[in-house]
């Protein structure tokens, strides 16, 4: 195998690896986006829970 053939083979391997990495990054980004959407769905419940706690603390302080 000549030096030129080796270089071409390495270039092909690099291109293939880059394509695989691109697919992996795309998949990781997709999963991260799904998780962010799921977390965002929980924000109203968390805020509601926090509001209840604040109200209970205020009621407790007022009664004393």
N, C-alpha and C. Protein backbone atom coordinates (compact mmCIF):
# COMPACT_ATOMS: atom_id res chain seq x y z
N UNK A 1 0.85 -1.17 0.00
CA UNK A 1 0.00 0.00 0.00
C UNK A 1 0.90 1.23 0.00
N UNK A 2 0.64 2.11 -0.94
CA UNK A 2 1.48 3.31 -1.04
C UNK A 2 1.06 4.34 0.00
N UNK A 3 1.91 5.33 0.15
CA UNK A 3 1.63 6.39 1.12
C UNK A 3 0.35 7.13 0.77
N UNK A 4 0.11 7.33 -0.54
CA UNK A 4 -1.10 8.02 -0.98
C UNK A 4 -2.35 7.21 -0.62
N UNK A 5 -2.27 5.89 -0.82
CA UNK A 5 -3.40 5.02 -0.48
C UNK A 5 -3.69 5.06 1.03
N UNK A 6 -2.62 5.08 1.81
CA UNK A 6 -2.80 5.13 3.27
C UNK A 6 -3.46 6.44 3.70
N UNK A 7 -3.02 7.53 3.07
CA UNK A 7 -3.60 8.83 3.39
C UNK A 7 -5.08 8.86 3.02
N UNK A 8 -5.41 8.33 1.84
CA UNK A 8 -6.82 8.30 1.42
C UNK A 8 -7.65 7.44 2.36
N UNK A 9 -7.11 6.31 2.78
CA UNK A 9 -7.83 5.44 3.71
C UNK A 9 -8.05 6.14 5.05
N UNK A 10 -7.03 6.82 5.53
CA UNK A 10 -7.16 7.55 6.79
C UNK A 10 -8.19 8.69 6.66
N UNK A 11 -8.17 9.36 5.52
CA UNK A 11 -9.16 10.42 5.30
C UNK A 11 -10.58 9.85 5.31
N UNK A 12 -10.73 8.69 4.69
CA UNK A 12 -12.05 8.02 4.68
C UNK A 12 -12.47 7.66 6.11
N UNK A 13 -11.53 7.14 6.89
CA UNK A 13 -11.84 6.78 8.27
C UNK A 13 -12.22 8.00 9.10
N UNK A 14 -11.51 9.10 8.87
CA UNK A 14 -11.80 10.35 9.59
C UNK A 14 -13.20 10.84 9.23
N UNK A 15 -13.54 10.81 7.96
CA UNK A 15 -14.87 11.25 7.52
C UNK A 15 -15.96 10.38 8.15
N UNK A 16 -15.73 9.08 8.17
CA UNK A 16 -16.69 8.15 8.76
C UNK A 16 -16.86 8.42 10.26
N UNK A 17 -15.75 8.62 10.93
CA UNK A 17 -15.80 8.90 12.38
C UNK A 17 -16.51 10.21 12.66
N UNK A 18 -16.25 11.23 11.84
CA UNK A 18 -16.94 12.52 12.01
C UNK A 18 -18.44 12.36 11.83
N UNK A 19 -18.84 11.57 10.85
CA UNK A 19 -20.27 11.34 10.62
C UNK A 19 -20.90 10.65 11.82
N UNK A 20 -20.21 9.67 12.37
CA UNK A 20 -20.73 8.96 13.54
C UNK A 20 -20.83 9.90 14.74
N UNK A 21 -19.81 10.73 14.94
CA UNK A 21 -19.84 11.69 16.04
C UNK A 21 -20.98 12.70 15.87
N UNK A 22 -21.20 13.11 14.64
CA UNK A 22 -22.30 14.04 14.37
C UNK A 22 -23.64 13.42 14.74
N UNK A 23 -23.83 12.14 14.40
CA UNK A 23 -25.07 11.45 14.75
C UNK A 23 -25.20 11.32 16.27
N UNK A 24 -24.10 11.02 16.93
CA UNK A 24 -24.12 10.89 18.38
C UNK A 24 -24.47 12.21 19.04
N UNK A 25 -23.88 13.30 18.58
CA UNK A 25 -24.17 14.62 19.13
C UNK A 25 -25.63 14.98 18.90
N UNK A 26 -26.14 14.69 17.71
CA UNK A 26 -27.54 14.98 17.42
C UNK A 26 -28.47 14.20 18.37
N UNK A 27 -28.16 12.94 18.60
CA UNK A 27 -28.97 12.12 19.50
C UNK A 27 -28.90 12.65 20.93
N UNK A 28 -27.72 13.03 21.38
CA UNK A 28 -27.57 13.58 22.74
C UNK A 28 -28.34 14.90 22.87
N UNK A 29 -28.28 15.73 21.85
CA UNK A 29 -29.03 16.99 21.87
C UNK A 29 -30.53 16.74 21.92
N UNK A 30 -30.99 15.75 21.17
CA UNK A 30 -32.41 15.42 21.15
C UNK A 30 -32.86 14.95 22.54
N UNK A 31 -32.06 14.09 23.16
CA UNK A 31 -32.40 13.60 24.50
C UNK A 31 -32.41 14.73 25.53
N UNK A 32 -31.42 15.60 25.44
CA UNK A 32 -31.35 16.73 26.37
C UNK A 32 -32.56 17.64 26.21
N UNK A 33 -32.98 17.85 24.98
CA UNK A 33 -34.14 18.70 24.73
C UNK A 33 -35.40 18.06 25.31
N UNK A 34 -35.54 16.75 25.17
CA UNK A 34 -36.69 16.05 25.74
C UNK A 34 -36.71 16.20 27.26
N UNK A 35 -35.56 16.05 27.88
CA UNK A 35 -35.47 16.16 29.34
C UNK A 35 -35.80 17.58 29.80
N UNK A 36 -35.36 18.57 29.04
CA UNK A 36 -35.64 19.96 29.39
C UNK A 36 -37.15 20.23 29.31
N UNK A 37 -37.81 19.66 28.29
CA UNK A 37 -39.25 19.84 28.16
C UNK A 37 -39.98 19.18 29.32
N UNK A 38 -39.53 17.99 29.71
CA UNK A 38 -40.16 17.31 30.85
C UNK A 38 -39.97 18.12 32.13
N UNK A 39 -38.78 18.66 32.32
CA UNK A 39 -38.51 19.48 33.51
C UNK A 39 -39.37 20.75 33.48
N UNK A 40 -39.51 21.34 32.31
CA UNK A 40 -40.30 22.57 32.19
C UNK A 40 -41.77 22.30 32.53
N UNK A 41 -42.24 21.10 32.27
CA UNK A 41 -43.62 20.76 32.60
C UNK A 41 -43.83 20.73 34.12
N UNK A 42 -42.78 20.49 34.87
CA UNK A 42 -42.90 20.40 36.32
C UNK A 42 -42.81 21.75 37.02
N UNK A 43 -42.36 22.78 36.31
CA UNK A 43 -42.17 24.10 36.92
C UNK A 43 -43.46 24.64 37.54
N UNK A 44 -44.61 24.58 36.87
CA UNK A 44 -45.82 25.11 37.51
C UNK A 44 -46.15 24.40 38.83
N UNK A 45 -45.94 23.09 38.88
CA UNK A 45 -46.21 22.36 40.12
C UNK A 45 -45.26 22.79 41.23
N UNK A 46 -44.00 22.98 40.87
CA UNK A 46 -43.02 23.42 41.86
C UNK A 46 -43.37 24.81 42.38
N UNK A 47 -43.77 25.70 41.49
CA UNK A 47 -44.15 27.06 41.92
C UNK A 47 -45.40 27.02 42.78
N UNK A 48 -46.34 26.17 42.41
CA UNK A 48 -47.56 26.03 43.22
C UNK A 48 -47.23 25.52 44.60
N UNK A 49 -46.35 24.54 44.68
CA UNK A 49 -45.94 24.01 45.98
C UNK A 49 -45.24 25.06 46.82
N UNK A 50 -44.40 25.83 46.18
CA UNK A 50 -43.70 26.91 46.88
C UNK A 50 -44.69 27.95 47.40
N UNK A 51 -45.68 28.27 46.60
CA UNK A 51 -46.70 29.24 47.02
C UNK A 51 -47.46 28.72 48.23
N UNK A 52 -47.80 27.44 48.24
CA UNK A 52 -48.51 26.85 49.38
C UNK A 52 -47.65 26.95 50.63
N UNK A 53 -46.37 26.65 50.51
CA UNK A 53 -45.47 26.72 51.67
C UNK A 53 -45.39 28.15 52.20
N UNK A 54 -45.28 29.12 51.31
CA UNK A 54 -45.21 30.52 51.72
C UNK A 54 -46.49 30.93 52.45
N UNK A 55 -47.63 30.53 51.91
CA UNK A 55 -48.91 30.87 52.54
C UNK A 55 -48.99 30.23 53.92
N UNK A 56 -48.61 28.97 54.04
CA UNK A 56 -48.65 28.30 55.34
C UNK A 56 -47.73 28.97 56.35
N UNK A 57 -46.54 29.36 55.89
CA UNK A 57 -45.63 30.06 56.79
C UNK A 57 -46.18 31.41 57.22
N UNK A 58 -46.82 32.12 56.31
CA UNK A 58 -47.42 33.42 56.66
C UNK A 58 -48.56 33.23 57.64
N UNK A 59 -49.41 32.23 57.42
CA UNK A 59 -50.50 31.96 58.34
C UNK A 59 -49.98 31.62 59.72
N UNK A 60 -48.93 30.84 59.76
CA UNK A 60 -48.33 30.45 61.04
C UNK A 60 -47.79 31.68 61.78
N UNK A 61 -47.16 32.58 61.01
CA UNK A 61 -46.59 33.79 61.62
C UNK A 61 -47.70 34.71 62.11
N UNK A 62 -48.78 34.82 61.37
CA UNK A 62 -49.88 35.70 61.74
C UNK A 62 -50.56 35.20 63.01
N UNK A 63 -50.72 33.90 63.15
CA UNK A 63 -51.41 33.32 64.31
C UNK A 63 -50.62 33.49 65.61
N UNK A 64 -49.35 33.66 65.52
CA UNK A 64 -48.52 33.79 66.74
C UNK A 64 -48.57 35.16 67.30
